[in-house]
Amino acid sequence: MGLRAKVIHSDPNILGGTPVFVGTRVPLQNLIDYLEAGDNLDDFLKSFPSVTREQAIGALELAREALEANAHSAR
């Protein structure tokens, strides 16, 4: 099972298909919004206790991988 399947899920019946953390209804966008606002990972996890630290870090790793893949394909 890949990292994405353990971390992020998208289902049309859950928040209209918005990507959420697996086992929750917490959108991935919430993590991004917290970090953009200058909050740290612990602040996010306190606000959304259904998301595990491993899931949040996994989501950030997936985002990094996507950015790297995009950068390499643009060459």
PDB file of N, CA and C in Angstrom:
ATOM      1  N   MET A   1       0.845  -1.179   0.000  1.00  0.00           N
ATOM      2  CA  MET A   1       0.000   0.000   0.000  1.00  0.00           C
ATOM      3  C   MET A   1       0.889   1.240   0.000  1.00  0.00           C
ATOM      4  N   GLY A   2       0.623   2.168  -0.920  1.00  0.00           N
ATOM      5  CA  GLY A   2       1.424   3.370  -1.039  1.00  0.00           C
ATOM      6  C   GLY A   2       1.127   4.380   0.054  1.00  0.00           C
ATOM      7  N   LEU A   3       2.033   5.317   0.198  1.00  0.00           N
ATOM      8  CA  LEU A   3       1.884   6.367   1.206  1.00  0.00           C
ATOM      9  C   LEU A   3       0.586   7.142   1.004  1.00  0.00           C
ATOM     10  N   ARG A   4       0.261   7.471  -0.239  1.00  0.00           N
ATOM     11  CA  ARG A   4      -0.944   8.240  -0.513  1.00  0.00           C
ATOM     12  C   ARG A   4      -2.181   7.531   0.030  1.00  0.00           C
ATOM     13  N   ALA A   5      -2.287   6.233  -0.157  1.00  0.00           N
ATOM     14  CA  ALA A   5      -3.458   5.486   0.294  1.00  0.00           C
ATOM     15  C   ALA A   5      -3.578   5.474   1.813  1.00  0.00           C
ATOM     16  N   LYS A   6      -2.478   5.663   2.517  1.00  0.00           N
ATOM     17  CA  LYS A   6      -2.491   5.680   3.978  1.00  0.00           C
ATOM     18  C   LYS A   6      -2.785   7.069   4.540  1.00  0.00           C
ATOM     19  N   VAL A   7      -2.638   8.091   3.692  1.00  0.00           N
ATOM     20  CA  VAL A   7      -2.675   9.463   4.187  1.00  0.00           C
ATOM     21  C   VAL A   7      -3.871  10.258   3.675  1.00  0.00           C
ATOM     22  N   ILE A   8      -4.114  10.196   2.373  1.00  0.00           N
ATOM     23  CA  ILE A   8      -5.115  11.053   1.753  1.00  0.00           C
ATOM     24  C   ILE A   8      -6.161  10.204   1.032  1.00  0.00           C
ATOM     25  N   HIS A   9      -7.408  10.641   1.140  1.00  0.00           N
ATOM     26  CA  HIS A   9      -8.515   9.933   0.504  1.00  0.00           C
ATOM     27  C   HIS A   9      -9.429  10.956  -0.140  1.00  0.00           C
ATOM     28  N   SER A  10      -9.963  10.615  -1.285  1.00  0.00           N
ATOM     29  CA  SER A  10     -10.928  11.479  -1.962  1.00  0.00           C
ATOM     30  C   SER A  10     -12.119  10.628  -2.362  1.00  0.00           C
ATOM     31  N   ASP A  11     -13.298  11.025  -1.911  1.00  0.00           N
ATOM     32  CA  ASP A  11     -14.522  10.280  -2.181  1.00  0.00           C
ATOM     33  C   ASP A  11     -15.618  11.297  -2.462  1.00  0.00           C
ATOM     34  N   PRO A  12     -16.330  11.160  -3.561  1.00  0.00           N
ATOM     35  CA  PRO A  12     -17.385  12.129  -3.884  1.00  0.00           C
ATOM     36  C   PRO A  12     -18.445  12.260  -2.789  1.00  0.00           C
ATOM     37  N   ASN A  13     -18.575  11.241  -1.945  1.00  0.00           N
ATOM     38  CA  ASN A  13     -19.569  11.282  -0.866  1.00  0.00           C
ATOM     39  C   ASN A  13     -19.042  11.934   0.414  1.00  0.00           C
ATOM     40  N   ILE A  14     -17.772  12.286   0.424  1.00  0.00           N
ATOM     41  CA  ILE A  14     -17.178  12.954   1.598  1.00  0.00           C
ATOM     42  C   ILE A  14     -16.709  14.328   1.156  1.00  0.00           C
ATOM     43  N   LEU A  15     -17.381  15.349   1.628  1.00  0.00           N
ATOM     44  CA  LEU A  15     -17.056  16.742   1.304  1.00  0.00           C
ATOM     45  C   LEU A  15     -16.918  16.969  -0.202  1.00  0.00           C
ATOM     46  N   GLY A  16     -17.762  16.296  -0.972  1.00  0.00           N
ATOM     47  CA  GLY A  16     -17.791  16.495  -2.414  1.00  0.00           C
ATOM     48  C   GLY A  16     -16.523  16.084  -3.141  1.00  0.00           C
ATOM     49  N   GLY A  17     -15.760  15.175  -2.558  1.00  0.00           N
ATOM     50  CA  GLY A  17     -14.536  14.705  -3.198  1.00  0.00           C
ATOM     51  C   GLY A  17     -13.285  15.467  -2.812  1.00  0.00           C
ATOM     52  N   THR A  18     -13.425  16.415  -1.897  1.00  0.00           N
ATOM     53  CA  THR A  18     -12.252  17.151  -1.402  1.00  0.00           C
ATOM     54  C   THR A  18     -11.268  16.163  -0.773  1.00  0.00           C
ATOM     55  N   PRO A  19      -9.983  16.237  -1.090  1.00  0.00           N
ATOM     56  CA  PRO A  19      -9.013  15.342  -0.451  1.00  0.00           C
ATOM     57  C   PRO A  19      -8.984  15.565   1.066  1.00  0.00           C
ATOM     58  N   VAL A  20      -9.182  14.471   1.806  1.00  0.00           N
ATOM     59  CA  VAL A  20      -9.179  14.516   3.267  1.00  0.00           C
ATOM     60  C   VAL A  20      -8.166  13.505   3.788  1.00  0.00           C
ATOM     61  N   PHE A  21      -7.795  13.670   5.046  1.00  0.00           N
ATOM     62  CA  PHE A  21      -6.941  12.679   5.691  1.00  0.00           C
ATOM     63  C   PHE A  21      -7.756  11.406   5.901  1.00  0.00           C
ATOM     64  N   VAL A  22      -7.154  10.262   5.612  1.00  0.00           N
ATOM     65  CA  VAL A  22      -7.828   8.973   5.727  1.00  0.00           C
ATOM     66  C   VAL A  22      -8.421   8.812   7.128  1.00  0.00           C
ATOM     67  N   GLY A  23      -9.664   8.366   7.170  1.00  0.00           N
ATOM     68  CA  GLY A  23     -10.339   8.112   8.443  1.00  0.00           C
ATOM     69  C   GLY A  23     -10.894   9.355   9.109  1.00  0.00           C
ATOM     70  N   THR A  24     -10.836  10.494   8.414  1.00  0.00           N
ATOM     71  CA  THR A  24     -11.327  11.747   8.972  1.00  0.00           C
ATOM     72  C   THR A  24     -12.152  12.478   7.916  1.00  0.00           C
ATOM     73  N   ARG A  25     -12.688  13.598   8.308  1.00  0.00           N
ATOM     74  CA  ARG A  25     -13.324  14.521   7.369  1.00  0.00           C
ATOM     75  C   ARG A  25     -12.526  15.830   7.346  1.00  0.00           C
ATOM     76  N   VAL A  26     -11.255  15.751   7.692  1.00  0.00           N
ATOM     77  CA  VAL A  26     -10.384  16.928   7.743  1.00  0.00           C
ATOM     78  C   VAL A  26      -9.711  17.098   6.380  1.00  0.00           C
ATOM     79  N   PRO A  27     -10.021  18.188   5.680  1.00  0.00           N
ATOM     80  CA  PRO A  27      -9.392  18.414   4.375  1.00  0.00           C
ATOM     81  C   PRO A  27      -7.887  18.652   4.493  1.00  0.00           C
ATOM     82  N   LEU A  28      -7.166  18.139   3.521  1.00  0.00           N
ATOM     83  CA  LEU A  28      -5.730  18.379   3.439  1.00  0.00           C
ATOM     84  C   LEU A  28      -5.447  19.877   3.383  1.00  0.00           C
ATOM     85  N   GLN A  29      -6.326  20.615   2.747  1.00  0.00           N
ATOM     86  CA  GLN A  29      -6.165  22.070   2.624  1.00  0.00           C
ATOM     87  C   GLN A  29      -6.048  22.741   3.991  1.00  0.00           C
ATOM     88  N   ASN A  30      -6.680  22.170   5.011  1.00  0.00           N
ATOM     89  CA  ASN A  30      -6.577  22.760   6.352  1.00  0.00           C
ATOM     90  C   ASN A  30      -5.131  22.791   6.836  1.00  0.00           C
ATOM     91  N   LEU A  31      -4.390  21.713   6.579  1.00  0.00           N
ATOM     92  CA  LEU A  31      -2.979  21.680   6.972  1.00  0.00           C
ATOM     93  C   LEU A  31      -2.208  22.764   6.230  1.00  0.00           C
ATOM     94  N   ILE A  32      -2.442  22.869   4.942  1.00  0.00           N
ATOM     95  CA  ILE A  32      -1.748  23.883   4.149  1.00  0.00           C
ATOM     96  C   ILE A  32      -2.096  25.281   4.654  1.00  0.00           C
ATOM     97  N   ASP A  33      -3.359  25.515   4.949  1.00  0.00           N
ATOM     98  CA  ASP A  33      -3.783  26.825   5.456  1.00  0.00           C
ATOM     99  C   ASP A  33      -3.101  27.165   6.778  1.00  0.00           C
ATOM    100  N   TYR A  34      -3.014  26.188   7.671  1.00  0.00           N
ATOM    101  CA  TYR A  34      -2.344  26.426   8.959  1.00  0.00           C
ATOM    102  C   TYR A  34      -0.889  26.822   8.745  1.00  0.00           C
ATOM    103  N   LEU A  35      -0.204  26.068   7.900  1.00  0.00           N
ATOM    104  CA  LEU A  35       1.216  26.352   7.675  1.00  0.00           C
ATOM    105  C   LEU A  35       1.414  27.691   6.984  1.00  0.00           C
ATOM    106  N   GLU A  36       0.556  28.026   6.034  1.00  0.00           N
ATOM    107  CA  GLU A  36       0.639  29.325   5.353  1.00  0.00           C
ATOM    108  C   GLU A  36       0.422  30.480   6.320  1.00  0.00           C
ATOM    109  N   ALA A  37      -0.412  30.254   7.323  1.00  0.00           N
ATOM    110  CA  ALA A  37      -0.702  31.293   8.311  1.00  0.00           C
ATOM    111  C   ALA A  37       0.417  31.449   9.339  1.00  0.00           C
ATOM    112  N   GLY A  38       1.422  30.568   9.263  1.00  0.00           N
ATOM    113  CA  GLY A  38       2.541  30.666  10.205  1.00  0.00           C
ATOM    114  C   GLY A  38       2.391  29.775  11.416  1.00  0.00           C
ATOM    115  N   ASP A  39       1.315  29.005  11.465  1.00  0.00           N
ATOM    116  CA  ASP A  39       1.150  28.058  12.569  1.00  0.00           C
ATOM    117  C   ASP A  39       2.075  26.869  12.336  1.00  0.00           C
ATOM    118  N   ASN A  40       2.393  26.168  13.405  1.00  0.00           N
ATOM    119  CA  ASN A  40       3.254  25.003  13.243  1.00  0.00           C
ATOM    120  C   ASN A  40       2.431  23.721  13.225  1.00  0.00           C
ATOM    121  N   LEU A  41       3.090  22.616  12.964  1.00  0.00           N
ATOM    122  CA  LEU A  41       2.410  21.334  12.852  1.00  0.00           C
ATOM    123  C   LEU A  41       1.686  20.960  14.142  1.00  0.00           C
ATOM    124  N   ASP A  42       2.286  21.257  15.284  1.00  0.00           N
ATOM    125  CA  ASP A  42       1.645  20.941  16.557  1.00  0.00           C
ATOM    126  C   ASP A  42       0.334  21.712  16.735  1.00  0.00           C
ATOM    127  N   ASP A  43       0.299  22.961  16.282  1.00  0.00           N
ATOM    128  CA  ASP A  43      -0.948  23.740  16.350  1.00  0.00           C
ATOM    129  C   ASP A  43      -2.035  23.057  15.535  1.00  0.00           C
ATOM    130  N   PHE A  44      -1.688  22.620  14.330  1.00  0.00           N
ATOM    131  CA  PHE A  44      -2.649  21.931  13.474  1.00  0.00           C
ATOM    132  C   PHE A  44      -3.148  20.662  14.151  1.00  0.00           C
ATOM    133  N   LEU A  45      -2.234  19.862  14.672  1.00  0.00           N
ATOM    134  CA  LEU A  45      -2.615  18.592  15.290  1.00  0.00           C
ATOM    135  C   LEU A  45      -3.473  18.789  16.530  1.00  0.00           C
ATOM    136  N   LYS A  46      -3.246  19.848  17.274  1.00  0.00           N
ATOM    137  CA  LYS A  46      -4.096  20.144  18.435  1.00  0.00           C
ATOM    138  C   LYS A  46      -5.503  20.503  17.992  1.00  0.00           C
ATOM    139  N   SER A  47      -5.624  21.202  16.886  1.00  0.00           N
ATOM    140  CA  SER A  47      -6.928  21.613  16.384  1.00  0.00           C
ATOM    141  C   SER A  47      -7.685  20.471  15.701  1.00  0.00           C
ATOM    142  N   PHE A  48      -6.952  19.498  15.193  1.00  0.00           N
ATOM    143  CA  PHE A  48      -7.552  18.381  14.471  1.00  0.00           C
ATOM    144  C   PHE A  48      -7.001  17.062  15.015  1.00  0.00           C
ATOM    145  N   PRO A  49      -7.423  16.674  16.217  1.00  0.00           N
ATOM    146  CA  PRO A  49      -6.848  15.486  16.867  1.00  0.00           C
ATOM    147  C   PRO A  49      -7.122  14.172  16.143  1.00  0.00           C
ATOM    148  N   SER A  50      -8.048  14.160  15.186  1.00  0.00           N
ATOM    149  CA  SER A  50      -8.291  12.919  14.443  1.00  0.00           C
ATOM    150  C   SER A  50      -7.209  12.659  13.400  1.00  0.00           C
ATOM    151  N   VAL A  51      -6.385  13.660  13.113  1.00  0.00           N
ATOM    152  CA  VAL A  51      -5.267  13.501  12.179  1.00  0.00           C
ATOM    153  C   VAL A  51      -4.028  13.155  12.989  1.00  0.00           C
ATOM    154  N   THR A  52      -3.333  12.097  12.578  1.00  0.00           N
ATOM    155  CA  THR A  52      -2.110  11.708  13.285  1.00  0.00           C
ATOM    156  C   THR A  52      -0.916  12.500  12.756  1.00  0.00           C
ATOM    157  N   ARG A  53       0.102  12.578  13.570  1.00  0.00           N
ATOM    158  CA  ARG A  53       1.345  13.229  13.152  1.00  0.00           C
ATOM    159  C   ARG A  53       1.902  12.537  11.905  1.00  0.00           C
ATOM    160  N   GLU A  54       1.825  11.213  11.870  1.00  0.00           N
ATOM    161  CA  GLU A  54       2.329  10.460  10.733  1.00  0.00           C
ATOM    162  C   GLU A  54       1.572  10.831   9.452  1.00  0.00           C
ATOM    163  N   GLN A  55       0.253  11.011   9.563  1.00  0.00           N
ATOM    164  CA  GLN A  55      -0.526  11.409   8.389  1.00  0.00           C
ATOM    165  C   GLN A  55      -0.120  12.804   7.911  1.00  0.00           C
ATOM    166  N   ALA A  56       0.028  13.730   8.837  1.00  0.00           N
ATOM    167  CA  ALA A  56       0.381  15.102   8.463  1.00  0.00           C
ATOM    168  C   ALA A  56       1.756  15.141   7.803  1.00  0.00           C
ATOM    169  N   ILE A  57       2.714  14.448   8.370  1.00  0.00           N
ATOM    170  CA  ILE A  57       4.054  14.417   7.792  1.00  0.00           C
ATOM    171  C   ILE A  57       4.016  13.699   6.445  1.00  0.00           C
ATOM    172  N   GLY A  58       3.242  12.639   6.355  1.00  0.00           N
ATOM    173  CA  GLY A  58       3.092  11.931   5.096  1.00  0.00           C
ATOM    174  C   GLY A  58       2.520  12.823   4.012  1.00  0.00           C
ATOM    175  N   ALA A  59       1.550  13.641   4.365  1.00  0.00           N
ATOM    176  CA  ALA A  59       0.956  14.567   3.393  1.00  0.00           C
ATOM    177  C   ALA A  59       1.995  15.572   2.909  1.00  0.00           C
ATOM    178  N   LEU A  60       2.814  16.057   3.808  1.00  0.00           N
ATOM    179  CA  LEU A  60       3.869  17.000   3.417  1.00  0.00           C
ATOM    180  C   LEU A  60       4.906  16.312   2.528  1.00  0.00           C
ATOM    181  N   GLU A  61       5.208  15.059   2.817  1.00  0.00           N
ATOM    182  CA  GLU A  61       6.138  14.305   1.972  1.00  0.00           C
ATOM    183  C   GLU A  61       5.561  14.113   0.572  1.00  0.00           C
ATOM    184  N   LEU A  62       4.272  13.814   0.494  1.00  0.00           N
ATOM    185  CA  LEU A  62       3.619  13.666  -0.813  1.00  0.00           C
ATOM    186  C   LEU A  62       3.653  14.976  -1.596  1.00  0.00           C
ATOM    187  N   ALA A  63       3.419  16.074  -0.898  1.00  0.00           N
ATOM    188  CA  ALA A  63       3.459  17.380  -1.563  1.00  0.00           C
ATOM    189  C   ALA A  63       4.858  17.663  -2.095  1.00  0.00           C
ATOM    190  N   ARG A  64       5.869  17.352  -1.299  1.00  0.00           N
ATOM    191  CA  ARG A  64       7.253  17.549  -1.747  1.00  0.00           C
ATOM    192  C   ARG A  64       7.548  16.696  -2.967  1.00  0.00           C
ATOM    193  N   GLU A  65       7.139  15.434  -2.935  1.00  0.00           N
ATOM    194  CA  GLU A  65       7.366  14.538  -4.069  1.00  0.00           C
ATOM    195  C   GLU A  65       6.679  15.063  -5.329  1.00  0.00           C
ATOM    196  N   ALA A  66       5.469  15.575  -5.186  1.00  0.00           N
ATOM    197  CA  ALA A  66       4.738  16.114  -6.336  1.00  0.00           C
ATOM    198  C   ALA A  66       5.452  17.332  -6.903  1.00  0.00           C
ATOM    199  N   LEU A  67       5.942  18.194  -6.031  1.00  0.00           N
ATOM    200  CA  LEU A  67       6.677  19.375  -6.494  1.00  0.00           C
ATOM    201  C   LEU A  67       7.967  18.981  -7.209  1.00  0.00           C
ATOM    202  N   GLU A  68       8.674  18.003  -6.651  1.00  0.00           N
ATOM    203  CA  GLU A  68       9.919  17.548  -7.278  1.00  0.00           C
ATOM    204  C   GLU A  68       9.640  16.911  -8.633  1.00  0.00           C
ATOM    205  N   ALA A  69       8.600  16.097  -8.726  1.00  0.00           N
ATOM    206  CA  ALA A  69       8.258  15.449  -9.991  1.00  0.00           C
ATOM    207  C   ALA A  69       7.880  16.498 -11.032  1.00  0.00           C
ATOM    208  N   ASN A  70       7.144  17.504 -10.602  1.00  0.00           N
ATOM    209  CA  ASN A  70       6.748  18.586 -11.505  1.00  0.00           C
ATOM    210  C   ASN A  70       7.957  19.377 -11.979  1.00  0.00           C
ATOM    211  N   ALA A  71       8.885  19.605 -11.082  1.00  0.00           N
ATOM    212  CA  ALA A  71      10.098  20.362 -11.444  1.00  0.00           C
ATOM    213  C   ALA A  71      10.929  19.574 -12.446  1.00  0.00           C
ATOM    214  N   HIS A  72      11.019  18.276 -12.267  1.00  0.00           N
ATOM    215  CA  HIS A  72      11.800  17.444 -13.176  1.00  0.00           C
ATOM    216  C   HIS A  72      11.135  17.329 -14.531  1.00  0.00           C
ATOM    217  N   SER A  73       9.808  17.278 -14.573  1.00  0.00           N
ATOM    218  CA  SER A  73       9.109  17.149 -15.854  1.00  0.00           C
ATOM    219  C   SER A  73       9.118  18.456 -16.639  1.00  0.00           C
ATOM    220  N   ALA A  74       9.375  19.577 -15.962  1.00  0.00           N
ATOM    221  CA  ALA A  74       9.400  20.876 -16.629  1.00  0.00           C
ATOM    222  C   ALA A  74      10.735  21.142 -17.333  1.00  0.00           C
ATOM    223  N   ARG A  75      11.699  20.288 -17.112  1.00  0.00           N
ATOM    224  CA  ARG A  75      13.030  20.497 -17.720  1.00  0.00           C
ATOM    225  C   ARG A  75      13.065  20.109 -19.153  1.00  0.00           C
TER     226      ARG A  75
END
